[in-house]
PDB file of N, CA and C in Angstrom:
ATOM      1  N   ARG A   1     -68.512  75.750 -23.435  1.00  0.00           N
ATOM      2  CA  ARG A   1     -67.548  76.519 -23.751  1.00  0.00           C
ATOM      3  C   ARG A   1     -67.416  76.496 -21.794  1.00  0.00           C
ATOM      4  N   PRO A   2     -66.583  76.192 -21.532  1.00  0.00           N
ATOM      5  CA  PRO A   2     -65.969  75.882 -19.692  1.00  0.00           C
ATOM      6  C   PRO A   2     -65.825  77.453 -19.308  1.00  0.00           C
ATOM      7  N   SER A   3     -66.653  77.121 -18.486  1.00  0.00           N
ATOM      8  CA  SER A   3     -66.020  78.380 -17.121  1.00  0.00           C
ATOM      9  C   SER A   3     -64.856  79.332 -17.197  1.00  0.00           C
ATOM     10  N   THR A   4     -64.514  80.683 -17.276  1.00  0.00           N
ATOM     11  CA  THR A   4     -62.969  81.348 -17.147  1.00  0.00           C
ATOM     12  C   THR A   4     -62.929  81.608 -16.277  1.00  0.00           C
ATOM     13  N   ALA A   5     -64.368  81.725 -15.653  1.00  0.00           N
ATOM     14  CA  ALA A   5     -64.191  83.208 -14.226  1.00  0.00           C
ATOM     15  C   ALA A   5     -63.174  82.950 -13.215  1.00  0.00           C
ATOM     16  N   ILE A   6     -61.922  83.543 -12.866  1.00  0.00           N
ATOM     17  CA  ILE A   6     -61.286  83.878 -12.106  1.00  0.00           C
ATOM     18  C   ILE A   6     -61.893  83.121 -10.518  1.00  0.00           C
ATOM     19  N   ARG A   7     -61.557  82.287  -9.858  1.00  0.00           N
ATOM     20  CA  ARG A   7     -61.799  81.611  -8.617  1.00  0.00           C
ATOM     21  C   ARG A   7     -61.878  82.615  -7.987  1.00  0.00           C
ATOM     22  N   ALA A   8     -62.443  83.260  -6.700  1.00  0.00           N
ATOM     23  CA  ALA A   8     -62.743  83.892  -5.797  1.00  0.00           C
ATOM     24  C   ALA A   8     -61.505  84.162  -4.977  1.00  0.00           C
ATOM     25  N   GLU A   9     -61.003  82.810  -4.631  1.00  0.00           N
ATOM     26  CA  GLU A   9     -59.467  82.451  -3.937  1.00  0.00           C
ATOM     27  C   GLU A   9     -58.618  81.544  -4.586  1.00  0.00           C
ATOM     28  N   ASP A  10     -57.750  81.208  -3.869  1.00  0.00           N
ATOM     29  CA  ASP A  10     -56.850  80.861  -4.782  1.00  0.00           C
ATOM     30  C   ASP A  10     -56.702  79.334  -3.291  1.00  0.00           C
ATOM     31  N   VAL A  11     -56.754  78.212  -4.103  1.00  0.00           N
ATOM     32  CA  VAL A  11     -55.976  77.446  -2.827  1.00  0.00           C
ATOM     33  C   VAL A  11     -55.224  76.933  -2.505  1.00  0.00           C
ATOM     34  N   PRO A  12     -54.964  77.097  -1.082  1.00  0.00           N
ATOM     35  CA  PRO A  12     -53.856  77.156   0.183  1.00  0.00           C
ATOM     36  C   PRO A  12     -53.320  76.081  -0.299  1.00  0.00           C
ATOM     37  N   LEU A  13     -51.783  76.276  -0.655  1.00  0.00           N
ATOM     38  CA  LEU A  13     -51.022  74.964  -0.354  1.00  0.00           C
ATOM     39  C   LEU A  13     -49.991  75.919   0.916  1.00  0.00           C
ATOM     40  N   ALA A  14     -49.037  74.408   1.613  1.00  0.00           N
ATOM     41  CA  ALA A  14     -47.510  74.665   2.242  1.00  0.00           C
ATOM     42  C   ALA A  14     -47.672  75.387   3.605  1.00  0.00           C
ATOM     43  N   ASN A  15     -49.657  75.068   4.206  1.00  0.00           N
ATOM     44  CA  ASN A  15     -49.940  75.995   5.057  1.00  0.00           C
ATOM     45  C   ASN A  15     -50.115  77.322   5.294  1.00  0.00           C
ATOM     46  N   GLY A  16     -50.385  78.022   3.606  1.00  0.00           N
ATOM     47  CA  GLY A  16     -51.014  78.973   3.088  1.00  0.00           C
ATOM     48  C   GLY A  16     -49.465  79.745   2.311  1.00  0.00           C
ATOM     49  N   ALA A  17     -48.678  79.253   2.757  1.00  0.00           N
ATOM     50  CA  ALA A  17     -47.013  79.873   1.885  1.00  0.00           C
ATOM     51  C   ALA A  17     -47.214  80.214   0.866  1.00  0.00           C
ATOM     52  N   MET A  18     -47.903  79.383   0.246  1.00  0.00           N
ATOM     53  CA  MET A  18     -48.592  79.167  -1.566  1.00  0.00           C
ATOM     54  C   MET A  18     -49.728  78.902  -2.002  1.00  0.00           C
ATOM     55  N   SER A  19     -50.005  79.212  -2.481  1.00  0.00           N
ATOM     56  CA  SER A  19     -51.605  78.961  -3.467  1.00  0.00           C
ATOM     57  C   SER A  19     -52.063  78.811  -4.828  1.00  0.00           C
ATOM     58  N   PHE A  20     -52.734  77.960  -5.334  1.00  0.00           N
ATOM     59  CA  PHE A  20     -52.272  78.269  -6.643  1.00  0.00           C
ATOM     60  C   PHE A  20     -54.141  78.232  -7.495  1.00  0.00           C
ATOM     61  N   ASN A  21     -54.416  78.493  -8.826  1.00  0.00           N
ATOM     62  CA  ASN A  21     -55.417  78.339  -9.926  1.00  0.00           C
ATOM     63  C   ASN A  21     -55.531  78.372 -10.467  1.00  0.00           C
ATOM     64  N   ARG A  22     -54.392  77.528 -10.856  1.00  0.00           N
ATOM     65  CA  ARG A  22     -54.481  77.105 -12.313  1.00  0.00           C
ATOM     66  C   ARG A  22     -53.390  75.779 -11.969  1.00  0.00           C
ATOM     67  N   VAL A  23     -54.309  75.025 -13.144  1.00  0.00           N
ATOM     68  CA  VAL A  23     -53.903  73.575 -13.179  1.00  0.00           C
ATOM     69  C   VAL A  23     -53.119  73.227 -14.863  1.00  0.00           C
ATOM     70  N   CYS A  24     -51.707  73.084 -14.385  1.00  0.00           N
ATOM     71  CA  CYS A  24     -51.587  72.369 -15.471  1.00  0.00           C
ATOM     72  C   CYS A  24     -51.369  70.958 -16.156  1.00  0.00           C
ATOM     73  N   ARG A  25     -51.019  70.301 -17.358  1.00  0.00           N
ATOM     74  CA  ARG A  25     -51.831  68.959 -17.588  1.00  0.00           C
ATOM     75  C   ARG A  25     -50.272  68.493 -17.949  1.00  0.00           C
ATOM     76  N   GLU A  26     -48.886  67.735 -18.896  1.00  0.00           N
ATOM     77  CA  GLU A  26     -48.318  67.277 -19.389  1.00  0.00           C
ATOM     78  C   GLU A  26     -47.577  66.615 -20.124  1.00  0.00           C
ATOM     79  N   TRP A  27     -47.617  67.050 -21.138  1.00  0.00           N
ATOM     80  CA  TRP A  27     -47.278  65.439 -22.134  1.00  0.00           C
ATOM     81  C   TRP A  27     -46.656  65.170 -22.233  1.00  0.00           C
ATOM     82  N   ARG A  28     -45.398  64.097 -22.394  1.00  0.00           N
ATOM     83  CA  ARG A  28     -43.941  64.440 -22.684  1.00  0.00           C
ATOM     84  C   ARG A  28     -43.769  62.940 -23.731  1.00  0.00           C
ATOM     85  N   CYS A  29     -42.547  63.493 -23.690  1.00  0.00           N
ATOM     86  CA  CYS A  29     -42.082  61.977 -24.744  1.00  0.00           C
ATOM     87  C   CYS A  29     -40.434  62.847 -25.204  1.00  0.00           C
ATOM     88  N   LYS A  30     -39.986  61.317 -25.367  1.00  0.00           N
ATOM     89  CA  LYS A  30     -38.111  61.818 -26.049  1.00  0.00           C
ATOM     90  C   LYS A  30     -38.300  61.746 -27.507  1.00  0.00           C
ATOM     91  N   TYR A  31     -37.327  62.477 -28.149  1.00  0.00           N
ATOM     92  CA  TYR A  31     -37.415  62.554 -29.654  1.00  0.00           C
ATOM     93  C   TYR A  31     -35.795  62.151 -29.843  1.00  0.00           C
ATOM     94  N   GLU A  32     -35.215  62.465 -30.743  1.00  0.00           N
ATOM     95  CA  GLU A  32     -33.951  62.056 -31.075  1.00  0.00           C
ATOM     96  C   GLU A  32     -32.996  62.284 -31.962  1.00  0.00           C
ATOM     97  N   GLY A  33     -31.639  62.766 -31.783  1.00  0.00           N
ATOM     98  CA  GLY A  33     -30.945  63.764 -32.828  1.00  0.00           C
ATOM     99  C   GLY A  33     -30.634  64.808 -31.926  1.00  0.00           C
ATOM    100  N   ASP A  34     -30.481  66.267 -33.105  1.00  0.00           N
ATOM    101  CA  ASP A  34     -29.797  67.268 -31.940  1.00  0.00           C
ATOM    102  C   ASP A  34     -31.205  68.295 -32.294  1.00  0.00           C
ATOM    103  N   LYS A  35     -31.743  69.006 -31.348  1.00  0.00           N
ATOM    104  CA  LYS A  35     -32.300  69.489 -31.254  1.00  0.00           C
ATOM    105  C   LYS A  35     -32.617  70.854 -32.758  1.00  0.00           C
ATOM    106  N   GLY A  36     -31.374  70.760 -33.074  1.00  0.00           N
ATOM    107  CA  GLY A  36     -31.612  71.727 -34.352  1.00  0.00           C
ATOM    108  C   GLY A  36     -31.341  71.415 -35.952  1.00  0.00           C
ATOM    109  N   THR A  37     -31.155  70.146 -35.579  1.00  0.00           N
ATOM    110  CA  THR A  37     -31.791  69.051 -36.718  1.00  0.00           C
ATOM    111  C   THR A  37     -32.503  67.937 -36.903  1.00  0.00           C
ATOM    112  N   SER A  38     -33.328  67.499 -35.779  1.00  0.00           N
ATOM    113  CA  SER A  38     -34.305  66.171 -35.357  1.00  0.00           C
ATOM    114  C   SER A  38     -34.812  66.292 -36.546  1.00  0.00           C
ATOM    115  N   GLU A  39     -35.509  65.142 -36.858  1.00  0.00           N
ATOM    116  CA  GLU A  39     -36.360  65.207 -37.292  1.00  0.00           C
ATOM    117  C   GLU A  39     -37.609  64.049 -36.735  1.00  0.00           C
ATOM    118  N   SER A  40     -37.283  63.819 -35.668  1.00  0.00           N
ATOM    119  CA  SER A  40     -38.159  63.653 -34.965  1.00  0.00           C
ATOM    120  C   SER A  40     -38.840  64.476 -34.831  1.00  0.00           C
ATOM    121  N   LEU A  41     -38.344  65.592 -33.653  1.00  0.00           N
ATOM    122  CA  LEU A  41     -38.704  66.731 -33.432  1.00  0.00           C
ATOM    123  C   LEU A  41     -39.859  67.110 -33.808  1.00  0.00           C
ATOM    124  N   GLU A  42     -38.516  67.602 -34.837  1.00  0.00           N
ATOM    125  CA  GLU A  42     -39.702  67.932 -36.408  1.00  0.00           C
ATOM    126  C   GLU A  42     -41.026  67.688 -37.025  1.00  0.00           C
ATOM    127  N   ALA A  43     -40.765  66.148 -36.436  1.00  0.00           N
ATOM    128  CA  ALA A  43     -42.054  65.836 -36.529  1.00  0.00           C
ATOM    129  C   ALA A  43     -43.618  65.896 -35.694  1.00  0.00           C
ATOM    130  N   ILE A  44     -43.177  66.142 -34.480  1.00  0.00           N
ATOM    131  CA  ILE A  44     -43.873  65.955 -33.429  1.00  0.00           C
ATOM    132  C   ILE A  44     -44.909  67.542 -33.607  1.00  0.00           C
ATOM    133  N   SER A  45     -43.910  68.106 -33.697  1.00  0.00           N
ATOM    134  CA  SER A  45     -43.887  70.146 -33.523  1.00  0.00           C
ATOM    135  C   SER A  45     -45.246  69.978 -34.502  1.00  0.00           C
ATOM    136  N   LYS A  46     -45.571  68.915 -36.054  1.00  0.00           N
ATOM    137  CA  LYS A  46     -46.218  69.093 -36.540  1.00  0.00           C
ATOM    138  C   LYS A  46     -47.603  68.696 -36.035  1.00  0.00           C
ATOM    139  N   VAL A  47     -47.135  67.557 -34.626  1.00  0.00           N
ATOM    140  CA  VAL A  47     -48.536  66.932 -34.517  1.00  0.00           C
ATOM    141  C   VAL A  47     -48.976  67.853 -33.223  1.00  0.00           C
ATOM    142  N   VAL A  48     -47.914  68.164 -33.184  1.00  0.00           N
ATOM    143  CA  VAL A  48     -48.723  69.879 -32.104  1.00  0.00           C
ATOM    144  C   VAL A  48     -49.109  70.721 -32.422  1.00  0.00           C
ATOM    145  N   ASP A  49     -49.127  71.549 -34.025  1.00  0.00           N
ATOM    146  CA  ASP A  49     -49.528  72.699 -34.864  1.00  0.00           C
ATOM    147  C   ASP A  49     -51.099  71.674 -35.440  1.00  0.00           C
ATOM    148  N   GLU A  50     -51.249  70.122 -35.368  1.00  0.00           N
ATOM    149  CA  GLU A  50     -52.155  69.454 -35.549  1.00  0.00           C
ATOM    150  C   GLU A  50     -53.318  70.027 -34.423  1.00  0.00           C
ATOM    151  N   TYR A  51     -52.555  70.033 -33.180  1.00  0.00           N
ATOM    152  CA  TYR A  51     -53.735  69.863 -32.088  1.00  0.00           C
ATOM    153  C   TYR A  51     -54.127  70.894 -31.527  1.00  0.00           C
ATOM    154  N   LEU A  52     -52.929  72.155 -31.556  1.00  0.00           N
ATOM    155  CA  LEU A  52     -53.220  73.199 -31.097  1.00  0.00           C
ATOM    156  C   LEU A  52     -54.494  73.401 -30.981  1.00  0.00           C
ATOM    157  N   PRO A  53     -55.257  74.045 -32.226  1.00  0.00           N
ATOM    158  CA  PRO A  53     -56.734  75.317 -31.849  1.00  0.00           C
ATOM    159  C   PRO A  53     -57.343  73.485 -31.095  1.00  0.00           C
ATOM    160  N   GLU A  54     -57.489  72.895 -31.025  1.00  0.00           N
ATOM    161  CA  GLU A  54     -58.133  72.253 -30.339  1.00  0.00           C
ATOM    162  C   GLU A  54     -58.126  72.366 -28.974  1.00  0.00           C
ATOM    163  N   LEU A  55     -56.491  72.260 -28.543  1.00  0.00           N
ATOM    164  CA  LEU A  55     -56.193  72.503 -26.872  1.00  0.00           C
ATOM    165  C   LEU A  55     -56.237  73.713 -26.984  1.00  0.00           C
ATOM    166  N   LYS A  56     -56.547  74.937 -27.710  1.00  0.00           N
ATOM    167  CA  LYS A  56     -57.106  76.732 -26.744  1.00  0.00           C
ATOM    168  C   LYS A  56     -58.130  76.563 -27.633  1.00  0.00           C
ATOM    169  N   LYS A  57     -58.991  75.583 -27.483  1.00  0.00           N
ATOM    170  CA  LYS A  57     -60.524  76.065 -27.214  1.00  0.00           C
ATOM    171  C   LYS A  57     -60.723  75.553 -25.630  1.00  0.00           C
ATOM    172  N   LEU A  58     -59.870  74.285 -24.770  1.00  0.00           N
ATOM    173  CA  LEU A  58     -60.034  74.421 -23.641  1.00  0.00           C
ATOM    174  C   LEU A  58     -61.049  75.438 -22.858  1.00  0.00           C
ATOM    175  N   SER A  59     -60.301  76.248 -23.276  1.00  0.00           N
ATOM    176  CA  SER A  59     -61.024  77.662 -21.888  1.00  0.00           C
ATOM    177  C   SER A  59     -60.360  79.239 -22.369  1.00  0.00           C
ATOM    178  N   ASP A  60     -60.958  80.188 -22.299  1.00  0.00           N
ATOM    179  CA  ASP A  60     -60.364  81.584 -22.484  1.00  0.00           C
ATOM    180  C   ASP A  60     -59.105  81.922 -21.980  1.00  0.00           C
ATOM    181  N   GLY A  61     -59.004  80.495 -20.593  1.00  0.00           N
ATOM    182  CA  GLY A  61     -57.716  81.146 -20.254  1.00  0.00           C
ATOM    183  C   GLY A  61     -56.546  80.451 -20.378  1.00  0.00           C
ATOM    184  N   VAL A  62     -56.849  78.979 -21.661  1.00  0.00           N
ATOM    185  CA  VAL A  62     -55.857  78.475 -21.237  1.00  0.00           C
ATOM    186  C   VAL A  62     -54.464  78.441 -21.881  1.00  0.00           C
ATOM    187  N   THR A  63     -53.609  78.024 -21.395  1.00  0.00           N
ATOM    188  CA  THR A  63     -52.495  78.855 -22.404  1.00  0.00           C
ATOM    189  C   THR A  63     -51.935  77.239 -22.511  1.00  0.00           C
ATOM    190  N   VAL A  64     -50.746  77.395 -23.440  1.00  0.00           N
ATOM    191  CA  VAL A  64     -49.585  76.089 -24.334  1.00  0.00           C
ATOM    192  C   VAL A  64     -48.818  76.243 -24.323  1.00  0.00           C
ATOM    193  N   ASN A  65     -47.445  75.625 -23.447  1.00  0.00           N
ATOM    194  CA  ASN A  65     -46.238  75.551 -24.042  1.00  0.00           C
ATOM    195  C   ASN A  65     -45.724  74.407 -23.944  1.00  0.00           C
ATOM    196  N   ARG A  66     -44.307  75.218 -24.744  1.00  0.00           N
ATOM    197  CA  ARG A  66     -43.694  73.683 -25.191  1.00  0.00           C
ATOM    198  C   ARG A  66     -42.373  74.145 -24.959  1.00  0.00           C
ATOM    199  N   LEU A  67     -42.069  72.242 -24.364  1.00  0.00           N
ATOM    200  CA  LEU A  67     -40.586  72.791 -24.027  1.00  0.00           C
ATOM    201  C   LEU A  67     -39.768  71.313 -24.601  1.00  0.00           C
ATOM    202  N   VAL A  68     -38.542  72.555 -24.773  1.00  0.00           N
ATOM    203  CA  VAL A  68     -37.558  71.003 -26.257  1.00  0.00           C
ATOM    204  C   VAL A  68     -36.300  70.905 -24.583  1.00  0.00           C
ATOM    205  N   CYS A  69     -36.057  70.180 -24.263  1.00  0.00           N
ATOM    206  CA  CYS A  69     -34.807  70.150 -23.300  1.00  0.00           C
ATOM    207  C   CYS A  69     -33.067  69.164 -23.929  1.00  0.00           C
ATOM    208  N   GLY A  70     -32.302  70.337 -24.927  1.00  0.00           N
ATOM    209  CA  GLY A  70     -31.159  69.276 -25.474  1.00  0.00           C
ATOM    210  C   GLY A  70     -30.511  68.676 -24.559  1.00  0.00           C
ATOM    211  N   GLY A  71     -30.559  68.065 -23.435  1.00  0.00           N
ATOM    212  CA  GLY A  71     -29.444  67.516 -22.779  1.00  0.00           C
ATOM    213  C   GLY A  71     -30.500  66.244 -22.271  1.00  0.00           C
ATOM    214  N   CYS A  72     -31.320  66.046 -22.108  1.00  0.00           N
ATOM    215  CA  CYS A  72     -32.077  65.039 -21.450  1.00  0.00           C
ATOM    216  C   CYS A  72     -33.286  64.664 -23.085  1.00  0.00           C
ATOM    217  N   LEU A  73     -33.241  65.482 -23.905  1.00  0.00           N
ATOM    218  CA  LEU A  73     -34.000  65.035 -25.539  1.00  0.00           C
ATOM    219  C   LEU A  73     -34.482  65.078 -24.858  1.00  0.00           C
ATOM    220  N   ASP A  74     -35.810  65.827 -23.737  1.00  0.00           N
ATOM    221  CA  ASP A  74     -37.312  65.612 -23.351  1.00  0.00           C
ATOM    222  C   ASP A  74     -38.274  66.538 -25.303  1.00  0.00           C
ATOM    223  N   PHE A  75     -39.436  65.537 -24.741  1.00  0.00           N
ATOM    224  CA  PHE A  75     -40.295  67.524 -25.116  1.00  0.00           C
ATOM    225  C   PHE A  75     -41.564  67.104 -24.839  1.00  0.00           C
ATOM    226  N   LYS A  76     -41.511  68.451 -24.097  1.00  0.00           N
ATOM    227  CA  LYS A  76     -43.097  68.596 -22.979  1.00  0.00           C
ATOM    228  C   LYS A  76     -43.991  69.545 -23.616  1.00  0.00           C
ATOM    229  N   LEU A  77     -44.751  68.847 -23.645  1.00  0.00           N
ATOM    230  CA  LEU A  77     -46.599  70.197 -23.989  1.00  0.00           C
ATOM    231  C   LEU A  77     -47.045  70.194 -22.476  1.00  0.00           C
ATOM    232  N   MET A  78     -47.068  71.162 -22.560  1.00  0.00           N
ATOM    233  CA  MET A  78     -47.805  71.952 -21.188  1.00  0.00           C
ATOM    234  C   MET A  78     -48.570  73.087 -21.528  1.00  0.00           C
ATOM    235  N   THR A  79     -50.261  72.312 -20.941  1.00  0.00           N
ATOM    236  CA  THR A  79     -51.668  72.537 -21.507  1.00  0.00           C
ATOM    237  C   THR A  79     -51.893  73.244 -19.495  1.00  0.00           C
ATOM    238  N   THR A  80     -52.307  74.364 -19.724  1.00  0.00           N
ATOM    239  CA  THR A  80     -52.369  74.866 -18.499  1.00  0.00           C
ATOM    240  C   THR A  80     -54.026  76.274 -18.115  1.00  0.00           C
ATOM    241  N   VAL A  81     -54.941  75.081 -17.209  1.00  0.00           N
ATOM    242  CA  VAL A  81     -55.861  76.276 -17.488  1.00  0.00           C
ATOM    243  C   VAL A  81     -56.762  76.518 -16.349  1.00  0.00           C
ATOM    244  N   PRO A  82     -57.568  77.272 -16.139  1.00  0.00           N
ATOM    245  CA  PRO A  82     -58.546  78.108 -14.635  1.00  0.00           C
ATOM    246  C   PRO A  82     -58.470  76.599 -13.813  1.00  0.00           C
ATOM    247  N   LEU A  83     -58.173  77.035 -12.641  1.00  0.00           N
ATOM    248  CA  LEU A  83     -58.738  75.780 -11.408  1.00  0.00           C
ATOM    249  C   LEU A  83     -60.687  74.972 -11.936  1.00  0.00           C
ATOM    250  N   ASP A  84     -60.819  75.948 -11.962  1.00  0.00           N
ATOM    251  CA  ASP A  84     -62.964  75.727 -12.262  1.00  0.00           C
ATOM    252  C   ASP A  84     -62.952  75.672 -13.836  1.00  0.00           C
ATOM    253  N   ASP A  85     -61.983  75.251 -14.699  1.00  0.00           N
ATOM    254  CA  ASP A  85     -62.269  74.363 -15.773  1.00  0.00           C
ATOM    255  C   ASP A  85     -61.156  73.123 -15.941  1.00  0.00           C
ATOM    256  N   PHE A  86     -61.079  73.236 -14.891  1.00  0.00           N
ATOM    257  CA  PHE A  86     -59.856  71.614 -15.147  1.00  0.00           C
ATOM    258  C   PHE A  86     -60.830  70.226 -14.749  1.00  0.00           C
ATOM    259  N   GLY A  87     -61.600  70.182 -14.121  1.00  0.00           N
ATOM    260  CA  GLY A  87     -62.860  69.496 -13.434  1.00  0.00           C
ATOM    261  C   GLY A  87     -63.011  68.771 -14.872  1.00  0.00           C
ATOM    262  N   PRO A  88     -63.866  69.446 -15.941  1.00  0.00           N
ATOM    263  CA  PRO A  88     -64.268  69.439 -16.802  1.00  0.00           C
ATOM    264  C   PRO A  88     -63.536  68.942 -18.068  1.00  0.00           C
ATOM    265  N   TRP A  89     -62.485  69.699 -18.085  1.00  0.00           N
ATOM    266  CA  TRP A  89     -61.612  68.906 -18.673  1.00  0.00           C
ATOM    267  C   TRP A  89     -60.895  67.116 -18.279  1.00  0.00           C
ATOM    268  N   GLU A  90     -60.813  67.014 -17.163  1.00  0.00           N
ATOM    269  CA  GLU A  90     -60.345  65.194 -16.437  1.00  0.00           C
ATOM    270  C   GLU A  90     -61.403  64.843 -16.679  1.00  0.00           C
ATOM    271  N   GLU A  91     -62.467  65.402 -16.580  1.00  0.00           N
ATOM    272  CA  GLU A  91     -64.252  64.323 -17.405  1.00  0.00           C
ATOM    273  C   GLU A  91     -63.799  63.785 -18.404  1.00  0.00           C
ATOM    274  N   SER A  92     -63.558  65.076 -18.985  1.00  0.00           N
ATOM    275  CA  SER A  92     -63.361  63.845 -20.580  1.00  0.00           C
ATOM    276  C   SER A  92     -62.175  63.725 -20.779  1.00  0.00           C
ATOM    277  N   GLY A  93     -61.598  63.267 -19.731  1.00  0.00           N
ATOM    278  CA  GLY A  93     -60.355  62.197 -20.209  1.00  0.00           C
ATOM    279  C   GLY A  93     -59.209  63.310 -20.541  1.00  0.00           C
ATOM    280  N   TYR A  94     -58.978  64.640 -20.853  1.00  0.00           N
ATOM    281  CA  TYR A  94     -57.961  65.218 -20.861  1.00  0.00           C
ATOM    282  C   TYR A  94     -57.756  65.234 -22.217  1.00  0.00           C
ATOM    283  N   ALA A  95     -59.162  65.118 -22.984  1.00  0.00           N
ATOM    284  CA  ALA A  95     -59.206  65.301 -24.329  1.00  0.00           C
ATOM    285  C   ALA A  95     -57.675  66.582 -24.821  1.00  0.00           C
ATOM    286  N   PRO A  96     -57.430  66.416 -25.893  1.00  0.00           N
ATOM    287  CA  PRO A  96     -57.963  65.419 -26.512  1.00  0.00           C
ATOM    288  C   PRO A  96     -56.221  64.180 -26.703  1.00  0.00           C
ATOM    289  N   GLU A  97     -55.572  64.106 -25.204  1.00  0.00           N
ATOM    290  CA  GLU A  97     -54.620  63.133 -24.973  1.00  0.00           C
ATOM    291  C   GLU A  97     -54.732  62.242 -25.454  1.00  0.00           C
ATOM    292  N   ALA A  98     -55.695  61.569 -25.783  1.00  0.00           N
ATOM    293  CA  ALA A  98     -54.918  60.314 -26.180  1.00  0.00           C
ATOM    294  C   ALA A  98     -53.798  60.197 -27.622  1.00  0.00           C
ATOM    295  N   ALA A  99     -55.052  60.934 -28.497  1.00  0.00           N
ATOM    296  CA  ALA A  99     -55.072  60.946 -29.893  1.00  0.00           C
ATOM    297  C   ALA A  99     -53.797  61.698 -30.687  1.00  0.00           C
ATOM    298  N   PHE A 100     -53.250  62.446 -29.274  1.00  0.00           N
ATOM    299  CA  PHE A 100     -51.820  63.036 -29.213  1.00  0.00           C
ATOM    300  C   PHE A 100     -50.925  62.359 -29.158  1.00  0.00           C
ATOM    301  N   LEU A 101     -51.472  61.732 -27.945  1.00  0.00           N
ATOM    302  CA  LEU A 101     -49.708  60.468 -28.368  1.00  0.00           C
ATOM    303  C   LEU A 101     -49.930  59.577 -28.606  1.00  0.00           C
ATOM    304  N   GLU A 102     -51.495  59.227 -28.313  1.00  0.00           N
ATOM    305  CA  GLU A 102     -51.437  57.720 -30.073  1.00  0.00           C
ATOM    306  C   GLU A 102     -50.336  58.293 -31.036  1.00  0.00           C
ATOM    307  N   LYS A 103     -49.855  59.292 -31.453  1.00  0.00           N
ATOM    308  CA  LYS A 103     -49.761  59.780 -32.904  1.00  0.00           C
ATOM    309  C   LYS A 103     -47.605  60.274 -32.591  1.00  0.00           C
ATOM    310  N   ILE A 104     -47.779  60.525 -31.301  1.00  0.00           N
ATOM    311  CA  ILE A 104     -46.530  60.888 -31.235  1.00  0.00           C
ATOM    312  C   ILE A 104     -45.702  59.561 -30.642  1.00  0.00           C
ATOM    313  N   LYS A 105     -46.272  58.400 -29.902  1.00  0.00           N
ATOM    314  CA  LYS A 105     -45.630  57.336 -30.083  1.00  0.00           C
ATOM    315  C   LYS A 105     -45.149  57.069 -30.958  1.00  0.00           C
ATOM    316  N   ALA A 106     -46.062  56.656 -32.832  1.00  0.00           N
ATOM    317  CA  ALA A 106     -45.322  56.591 -33.696  1.00  0.00           C
ATOM    318  C   ALA A 106     -44.625  56.989 -34.568  1.00  0.00           C
ATOM    319  N   ILE A 107     -44.115  58.895 -33.743  1.00  0.00           N
ATOM    320  CA  ILE A 107     -42.996  59.101 -34.563  1.00  0.00           C
ATOM    321  C   ILE A 107     -42.055  58.406 -34.542  1.00  0.00           C
TER     322      ILE A 107
END
C-alpha cells in the first residue's frame, strides 16, 4: 500500500506565497443532454461506480470528486492523493485511467 504519511514540509510555489502537499489527476469527457436526464451522464456514473473502489485503494489519503458542468456539458473525475503517493501512481500509468477512459469513450 502506498505511503500515507503527511510530508514534513509542503512544496513551496510562487516565491513562497503558496504551497502544496497533494496532487490531483483529472479525467474528463463531454456528455450529451440535460444534466438532469442525460443518458450518457448516467452511463458515465455507472463507470465511475465500477472504478471507484479501485481508486479508493490508491492511498489512505485519497479523495475522489465528481464535477458536472451543465453549461459546457463537461464531466470531470478528480482524484487527489498525498504528494508522496503520487509518484507510485504515476509510475503505474495512473491505473485504472486507461481502462476507465476506454469505457467512457465508448459511451
